[in-house]
Amino acid sequence: MKFLNREISLTGLFIALGVALPIAFHFINPLAGRTLLPMHLPVLLAGILLGPISGIIVGLVCPTASFLLTGMPPAYAVPLMTLELVLYGFASGILMRTLRIPLIVGLLLAMIVGRLGFAFALLILGRFINLPYGIKEFILVAIPTGLPGIILQIILVPILVKGIQLASRTEM
């Protein structure tokens, strides 16, 4: 696959958004990162609009770059979020760009795949550092905590995708 200048530039833009959005959300509320999941938005958009390679790159770079530049997310969460976001970017790109799954269905499936990846990574990490909780506790805590962000993604991502697609068509 040939990576065009446009895709490279937009991938960089989505990485910058993946670092900047959590900062903006944290100004509103210090817990906004855990509840509104702002870093997920650019990763999902990169996968949907640019394909799985860009989705993977954005998902891979954002948590580490954000941690190094801002201290967020906490160090223990960086590998967990990295796996989750890589899976979001890959799944959204494969499902919607390659398999042409309808947007809402593909978005929901990508979100499930990413959350399962996070839960699996938490289980593995938990075994190494003796975390006092496992997948059941993760599901009982992470799903309700992230529910506002999940709802935000379901509403905002399709609107942004349609708007960006419309804008890019009228630009030509």
Protein backbone atom coordinates (compact mmCIF):
# COMPACT_ATOMS: atom_id res chain seq x y z
CA MET A 1 0.00 0.00 0.00
CA LYS A 2 1.30 3.39 -0.98
CA PHE A 3 1.09 6.01 1.76
CA LEU A 4 0.34 9.37 0.16
CA ASN A 5 1.38 12.78 1.50
CA ARG A 6 -2.28 13.47 2.31
CA GLU A 7 -2.54 10.35 4.49
CA ILE A 8 0.76 11.11 6.20
CA SER A 9 -0.34 14.68 6.96
CA LEU A 10 -3.77 13.64 8.20
CA THR A 11 -2.27 10.87 10.33
CA GLY A 12 -0.04 13.51 11.96
CA LEU A 13 -3.06 15.75 12.46
CA PHE A 14 -4.99 12.95 14.16
CA ILE A 15 -2.00 12.26 16.43
CA ALA A 16 -1.88 15.94 17.39
CA LEU A 17 -5.63 15.85 18.11
CA GLY A 18 -5.12 12.69 20.16
CA VAL A 19 -2.76 14.63 22.41
CA ALA A 20 -4.62 17.97 22.39
CA LEU A 21 -8.21 16.79 22.94
CA PRO A 22 -7.54 15.17 26.34
CA ILE A 23 -5.84 18.39 27.50
CA ALA A 24 -8.89 20.42 26.46
CA PHE A 25 -11.28 17.95 28.10
CA HIS A 26 -9.24 17.95 31.33
CA PHE A 27 -9.65 21.73 31.54
CA ILE A 28 -13.40 21.15 31.68
CA ASN A 29 -13.20 18.34 34.24
CA PRO A 30 -10.14 16.50 35.64
CA LEU A 31 -11.96 13.16 35.24
CA ALA A 32 -13.01 13.88 31.65
CA GLY A 33 -10.36 11.54 30.24
CA ARG A 34 -11.83 8.52 31.99
CA THR A 35 -15.43 9.40 31.32
CA LEU A 36 -15.44 11.08 27.88
CA LEU A 37 -12.53 9.14 26.31
CA PRO A 38 -11.34 12.04 24.12
CA MET A 39 -8.24 10.26 22.81
CA HIS A 40 -10.45 7.60 21.23
CA LEU A 41 -12.11 10.05 18.83
CA PRO A 42 -9.08 10.83 16.60
CA VAL A 43 -8.07 7.16 16.56
CA LEU A 44 -11.50 6.04 15.39
CA LEU A 45 -11.62 8.84 12.83
CA ALA A 46 -8.16 7.93 11.50
CA GLY A 47 -9.19 4.32 11.03
CA ILE A 48 -12.51 5.17 9.41
CA LEU A 49 -11.27 7.96 7.14
CA LEU A 50 -7.72 6.84 6.33
CA GLY A 51 -7.76 3.08 6.88
CA PRO A 52 -6.28 0.54 9.28
CA ILE A 53 -2.61 1.54 8.87
CA SER A 54 -3.25 5.15 9.91
CA GLY A 55 -5.62 3.95 12.64
CA ILE A 56 -2.89 1.68 14.04
CA ILE A 57 -0.26 4.44 13.88
CA VAL A 58 -2.48 7.00 15.62
CA GLY A 59 -3.52 4.45 18.25
CA LEU A 60 0.09 3.45 18.83
CA VAL A 61 1.56 6.96 19.12
CA CYS A 62 -1.14 8.92 20.99
CA PRO A 63 -0.97 7.37 24.49
CA THR A 64 2.83 7.47 24.68
CA ALA A 65 3.14 10.94 23.15
CA SER A 66 0.45 12.26 25.47
CA PHE A 67 2.13 10.70 28.50
CA LEU A 68 5.54 12.10 27.55
CA LEU A 69 4.17 15.58 26.84
CA THR A 70 1.48 15.92 29.51
CA GLY A 71 1.83 13.11 32.04
CA MET A 72 -1.58 11.78 30.97
CA PRO A 73 -2.64 9.00 30.92
CA PRO A 74 -0.92 7.60 34.02
CA ALA A 75 2.12 5.43 33.24
CA TYR A 76 0.38 2.16 34.17
CA ALA A 77 -2.43 2.92 31.68
CA VAL A 78 -0.19 3.68 28.68
CA PRO A 79 0.32 0.05 27.55
CA LEU A 80 -3.33 -0.77 28.23
CA MET A 81 -4.59 2.21 26.28
CA THR A 82 -2.07 1.63 23.52
CA LEU A 83 -3.40 -1.88 22.87
CA GLU A 84 -6.99 -0.64 23.10
CA LEU A 85 -6.43 2.26 20.72
CA VAL A 86 -4.39 0.22 18.23
CA LEU A 87 -7.29 -2.22 18.11
CA TYR A 88 -9.77 0.68 17.70
CA GLY A 89 -7.79 2.09 14.78
CA PHE A 90 -7.23 -1.29 13.14
CA ALA A 91 -10.79 -2.55 13.61
CA SER A 92 -12.45 0.69 12.50
CA GLY A 93 -10.24 0.79 9.39
CA ILE A 94 -10.75 -2.85 8.47
CA LEU A 95 -14.47 -2.89 9.21
CA MET A 96 -15.43 0.33 7.50
CA ARG A 97 -12.75 0.94 4.85
CA THR A 98 -11.98 -2.61 3.79
CA LEU A 99 -15.13 -4.63 4.56
CA ARG A 100 -17.50 -1.66 4.06
CA ILE A 101 -19.52 -2.43 7.19
CA PRO A 102 -22.11 0.33 7.83
CA LEU A 103 -20.70 3.14 9.95
CA ILE A 104 -22.68 2.65 13.18
CA VAL A 105 -22.30 -1.15 13.16
CA GLY A 106 -18.58 -0.92 12.38
CA LEU A 107 -18.08 1.74 15.04
CA LEU A 108 -19.79 -0.38 17.69
CA LEU A 109 -17.81 -3.48 16.69
CA ALA A 110 -14.51 -1.53 16.73
CA MET A 111 -15.34 -0.17 20.19
CA ILE A 112 -16.09 -3.68 21.46
CA VAL A 113 -12.84 -5.04 19.99
CA GLY A 114 -10.84 -2.20 21.60
CA ARG A 115 -12.48 -2.60 25.01
CA LEU A 116 -11.91 -6.37 24.92
CA GLY A 117 -8.24 -5.70 24.11
CA PHE A 118 -8.01 -3.36 27.10
CA ALA A 119 -9.65 -5.95 29.35
CA PHE A 120 -7.29 -8.68 28.10
CA ALA A 121 -4.25 -6.47 28.64
CA LEU A 122 -5.51 -5.60 32.11
CA LEU A 123 -5.85 -9.29 32.89
CA ILE A 124 -2.27 -9.98 31.72
CA LEU A 125 -0.83 -6.94 33.51
CA GLY A 126 -2.82 -7.84 36.61
CA ARG A 127 -1.15 -11.23 36.74
CA PHE A 128 2.30 -9.64 36.73
CA ILE A 129 1.71 -6.91 39.29
CA ASN A 130 -0.98 -8.62 41.38
CA LEU A 131 -3.78 -6.17 40.69
CA PRO A 132 -6.64 -6.67 43.15
CA TYR A 133 -9.19 -6.94 40.36
CA GLY A 134 -9.75 -8.76 37.10
CA ILE A 135 -11.95 -8.62 34.02
CA LYS A 136 -15.23 -8.77 35.96
CA GLU A 137 -14.23 -5.72 38.01
CA PHE A 138 -12.99 -3.96 34.87
CA ILE A 139 -16.35 -4.48 33.19
CA LEU A 140 -18.22 -3.34 36.29
CA VAL A 141 -16.11 -0.17 36.55
CA ALA A 142 -14.86 0.73 33.06
CA ILE A 143 -18.09 0.36 31.12
CA PRO A 144 -20.22 2.59 33.36
CA THR A 145 -17.34 5.06 33.82
CA GLY A 146 -16.74 5.28 30.07
CA LEU A 147 -20.44 5.26 29.13
CA PRO A 148 -20.58 9.04 28.52
CA GLY A 149 -17.58 8.70 26.19
CA ILE A 150 -19.10 5.70 24.44
CA ILE A 151 -22.31 7.68 23.86
CA LEU A 152 -20.26 10.68 22.70
CA GLN A 153 -18.41 8.47 20.19
CA ILE A 154 -21.63 6.93 18.87
CA ILE A 155 -23.12 10.40 18.32
CA LEU A 156 -20.07 12.44 17.33
CA VAL A 157 -18.04 10.06 15.14
CA PRO A 158 -20.74 9.56 12.46
CA ILE A 159 -21.43 13.32 12.37
CA LEU A 160 -17.71 14.11 12.03
CA VAL A 161 -17.16 11.40 9.40
CA LYS A 162 -20.07 12.62 7.28
CA GLY A 163 -18.99 16.25 7.69
CA ILE A 164 -15.37 15.53 6.78
CA GLN A 165 -16.42 13.41 3.79
CA LEU A 166 -18.75 16.16 2.59
CA ALA A 167 -16.09 18.83 3.06
CA SER A 168 -13.47 16.80 1.20
CA ARG A 169 -15.85 16.26 -1.75
CA THR A 170 -16.68 19.96 -2.07
CA GLU A 171 -12.98 20.85 -1.78
CA MET A 172 -12.08 19.12 -5.04
